[in-house]
C-alpha cells in the first residue's frame, strides 16, 4: 500500500471559506477517483507545523494507482481551480507500507 501525504500552507489573505472549499473538494475525490482506497484531510492544530495549515492523507493500492491519481482530470481540476490560486507552499511525501 502507498500512503500519500500533502501539507498545505496558504497565502496569508486566504479566507476560511476558500480553505473549506479545498478540503471539501479533496474529501469528495474518494467517489470520483477510483484509485483512492481511503482519504482524509483536515485543519492542523499543532504548534509544531511550521505554518502548514492543512493536511491530506490518501491511500492507494500501489505506485501505479498513485501515478493514475496524479494524472486524474478531476484531481487536476481541483489543483488548478481551488488549490493553486491560494497556495503559498506545500510538502508532499509518499511511502510504502
C-alpha atoms as a PDB file:
ATOM      1  CA  UNK A   1       0.000   0.000   0.000  1.00  0.00           C
ATOM      2  CA  UNK A   2       1.130   3.544  -0.781  1.00  0.00           C
ATOM      3  CA  UNK A   3       0.487   6.473   1.558  1.00  0.00           C
ATOM      4  CA  UNK A   4       0.473   9.953   0.004  1.00  0.00           C
ATOM      5  CA  UNK A   5       0.701  12.928   2.382  1.00  0.00           C
ATOM      6  CA  UNK A   6       0.451  16.595   1.438  1.00  0.00           C
ATOM      7  CA  UNK A   7       0.815  19.517   3.842  1.00  0.00           C
ATOM      8  CA  UNK A   8      -0.559  22.868   2.693  1.00  0.00           C
ATOM      9  CA  UNK A   9       0.420  26.428   3.600  1.00  0.00           C
ATOM     10  CA  UNK A  10      -1.959  29.071   2.254  1.00  0.00           C
ATOM     11  CA  UNK A  11      -1.389  32.706   1.356  1.00  0.00           C
ATOM     12  CA  UNK A  12      -1.960  34.900   4.440  1.00  0.00           C
ATOM     13  CA  UNK A  13      -5.066  36.553   2.968  1.00  0.00           C
ATOM     14  CA  UNK A  14      -6.812  33.235   2.219  1.00  0.00           C
ATOM     15  CA  UNK A  15     -10.315  33.062   3.670  1.00  0.00           C
ATOM     16  CA  UNK A  16     -11.560  30.222   5.843  1.00  0.00           C
ATOM     17  CA  UNK A  17     -14.278  29.683   3.242  1.00  0.00           C
ATOM     18  CA  UNK A  18     -11.735  29.056   0.461  1.00  0.00           C
ATOM     19  CA  UNK A  19      -9.833  26.599   2.652  1.00  0.00           C
ATOM     20  CA  UNK A  20     -13.101  24.816   3.475  1.00  0.00           C
ATOM     21  CA  UNK A  21     -13.871  24.558  -0.262  1.00  0.00           C
ATOM     22  CA  UNK A  22     -10.494  22.907  -0.865  1.00  0.00           C
ATOM     23  CA  UNK A  23     -10.963  20.448   1.997  1.00  0.00           C
ATOM     24  CA  UNK A  24     -14.467  19.554   0.822  1.00  0.00           C
ATOM     25  CA  UNK A  25     -13.306  19.023  -2.766  1.00  0.00           C
ATOM     26  CA  UNK A  26     -10.401  16.857  -1.628  1.00  0.00           C
ATOM     27  CA  UNK A  27     -12.681  14.689   0.521  1.00  0.00           C
ATOM     28  CA  UNK A  28     -15.057  14.392  -2.429  1.00  0.00           C
ATOM     29  CA  UNK A  29     -12.384  12.771  -4.582  1.00  0.00           C
ATOM     30  CA  UNK A  30     -12.999   9.351  -2.994  1.00  0.00           C
ATOM     31  CA  UNK A  31     -16.137   8.769  -5.034  1.00  0.00           C
ATOM     32  CA  UNK A  32     -14.687  10.281  -8.208  1.00  0.00           C
ATOM     33  CA  UNK A  33     -11.104   8.987  -8.357  1.00  0.00           C
ATOM     34  CA  UNK A  34     -11.264   5.181  -8.477  1.00  0.00           C
ATOM     35  CA  UNK A  35      -7.662   4.598  -7.371  1.00  0.00           C
ATOM     36  CA  UNK A  36      -8.291   6.069  -3.907  1.00  0.00           C
ATOM     37  CA  UNK A  37      -8.676   3.444  -1.177  1.00  0.00           C
ATOM     38  CA  UNK A  38      -9.057   5.941   1.650  1.00  0.00           C
ATOM     39  CA  UNK A  39      -8.707   9.691   2.070  1.00  0.00           C
ATOM     40  CA  UNK A  40      -8.715  12.124   4.964  1.00  0.00           C
ATOM     41  CA  UNK A  41      -7.870  15.780   5.334  1.00  0.00           C
ATOM     42  CA  UNK A  42      -8.262  18.454   7.925  1.00  0.00           C
ATOM     43  CA  UNK A  43      -7.081  21.515   9.778  1.00  0.00           C
ATOM     44  CA  UNK A  44      -3.830  21.473  11.715  1.00  0.00           C
ATOM     45  CA  UNK A  45      -3.910  22.232  15.434  1.00  0.00           C
ATOM     46  CA  UNK A  46      -0.251  21.579  16.277  1.00  0.00           C
ATOM     47  CA  UNK A  47       2.104  24.421  17.117  1.00  0.00           C
ATOM     48  CA  UNK A  48       4.920  22.360  15.547  1.00  0.00           C
ATOM     49  CA  UNK A  49       3.613  22.675  11.976  1.00  0.00           C
ATOM     50  CA  UNK A  50       5.978  25.429  10.783  1.00  0.00           C
ATOM     51  CA  UNK A  51       2.992  27.308   9.376  1.00  0.00           C
ATOM     52  CA  UNK A  52       1.429  24.446   7.431  1.00  0.00           C
ATOM     53  CA  UNK A  53      -2.296  24.744   7.989  1.00  0.00           C
ATOM     54  CA  UNK A  54      -3.911  21.664   6.465  1.00  0.00           C
ATOM     55  CA  UNK A  55      -3.011  18.089   5.725  1.00  0.00           C
ATOM     56  CA  UNK A  56      -4.156  15.446   3.258  1.00  0.00           C
ATOM     57  CA  UNK A  57      -3.565  11.689   3.560  1.00  0.00           C
ATOM     58  CA  UNK A  58      -4.522   9.346   0.711  1.00  0.00           C
ATOM     59  CA  UNK A  59      -4.010   5.586   0.474  1.00  0.00           C
ATOM     60  CA  UNK A  60      -3.502   3.664  -2.771  1.00  0.00           C
ATOM     61  CA  UNK A  61      -3.010   0.010  -3.669  1.00  0.00           C
ATOM     62  CA  UNK A  62       0.328   0.606  -5.392  1.00  0.00           C
ATOM     63  CA  UNK A  63       2.524   3.168  -7.137  1.00  0.00           C
ATOM     64  CA  UNK A  64       0.627   2.702 -10.410  1.00  0.00           C
ATOM     65  CA  UNK A  65      -2.563   3.802  -8.637  1.00  0.00           C
ATOM     66  CA  UNK A  66      -0.747   6.851  -7.203  1.00  0.00           C
ATOM     67  CA  UNK A  67       0.503   7.737 -10.688  1.00  0.00           C
ATOM     68  CA  UNK A  68      -3.019   7.417 -12.134  1.00  0.00           C
ATOM     69  CA  UNK A  69      -4.388   9.635  -9.339  1.00  0.00           C
ATOM     70  CA  UNK A  70      -1.746  12.275 -10.056  1.00  0.00           C
ATOM     71  CA  UNK A  71      -2.941  12.480 -13.678  1.00  0.00           C
ATOM     72  CA  UNK A  72      -6.670  12.182 -12.956  1.00  0.00           C
ATOM     73  CA  UNK A  73      -8.626  15.046 -14.574  1.00  0.00           C
ATOM     74  CA  UNK A  74     -10.848  15.650 -11.530  1.00  0.00           C
ATOM     75  CA  UNK A  75      -7.807  15.816  -9.228  1.00  0.00           C
ATOM     76  CA  UNK A  76      -6.020  18.166 -11.638  1.00  0.00           C
ATOM     77  CA  UNK A  77      -9.072  20.447 -11.810  1.00  0.00           C
ATOM     78  CA  UNK A  78      -9.097  20.795  -8.001  1.00  0.00           C
ATOM     79  CA  UNK A  79      -5.416  21.710  -8.070  1.00  0.00           C
ATOM     80  CA  UNK A  80      -5.860  24.236 -10.880  1.00  0.00           C
ATOM     81  CA  UNK A  81      -9.037  25.978  -9.727  1.00  0.00           C
ATOM     82  CA  UNK A  82      -9.034  25.696  -5.931  1.00  0.00           C
ATOM     83  CA  UNK A  83      -5.536  24.967  -4.624  1.00  0.00           C
ATOM     84  CA  UNK A  84      -3.038  26.846  -6.808  1.00  0.00           C
ATOM     85  CA  UNK A  85      -4.741  30.261  -6.504  1.00  0.00           C
ATOM     86  CA  UNK A  86      -4.336  30.243  -2.702  1.00  0.00           C
ATOM     87  CA  UNK A  87      -1.263  28.031  -2.206  1.00  0.00           C
ATOM     88  CA  UNK A  88       1.844  29.557  -0.641  1.00  0.00           C
ATOM     89  CA  UNK A  89       3.773  26.304  -0.112  1.00  0.00           C
ATOM     90  CA  UNK A  90       3.333  22.559   0.165  1.00  0.00           C
ATOM     91  CA  UNK A  91       5.228  19.464   1.182  1.00  0.00           C
ATOM     92  CA  UNK A  92       4.465  16.076  -0.339  1.00  0.00           C
ATOM     93  CA  UNK A  93       5.710  12.710   0.844  1.00  0.00           C
ATOM     94  CA  UNK A  94       4.874   9.251  -0.470  1.00  0.00           C
ATOM     95  CA  UNK A  95       5.867   5.983   1.161  1.00  0.00           C
ATOM     96  CA  UNK A  96       5.068   2.290   1.010  1.00  0.00           C
ATOM     97  CA  UNK A  97       3.659   0.361   3.965  1.00  0.00           C
END
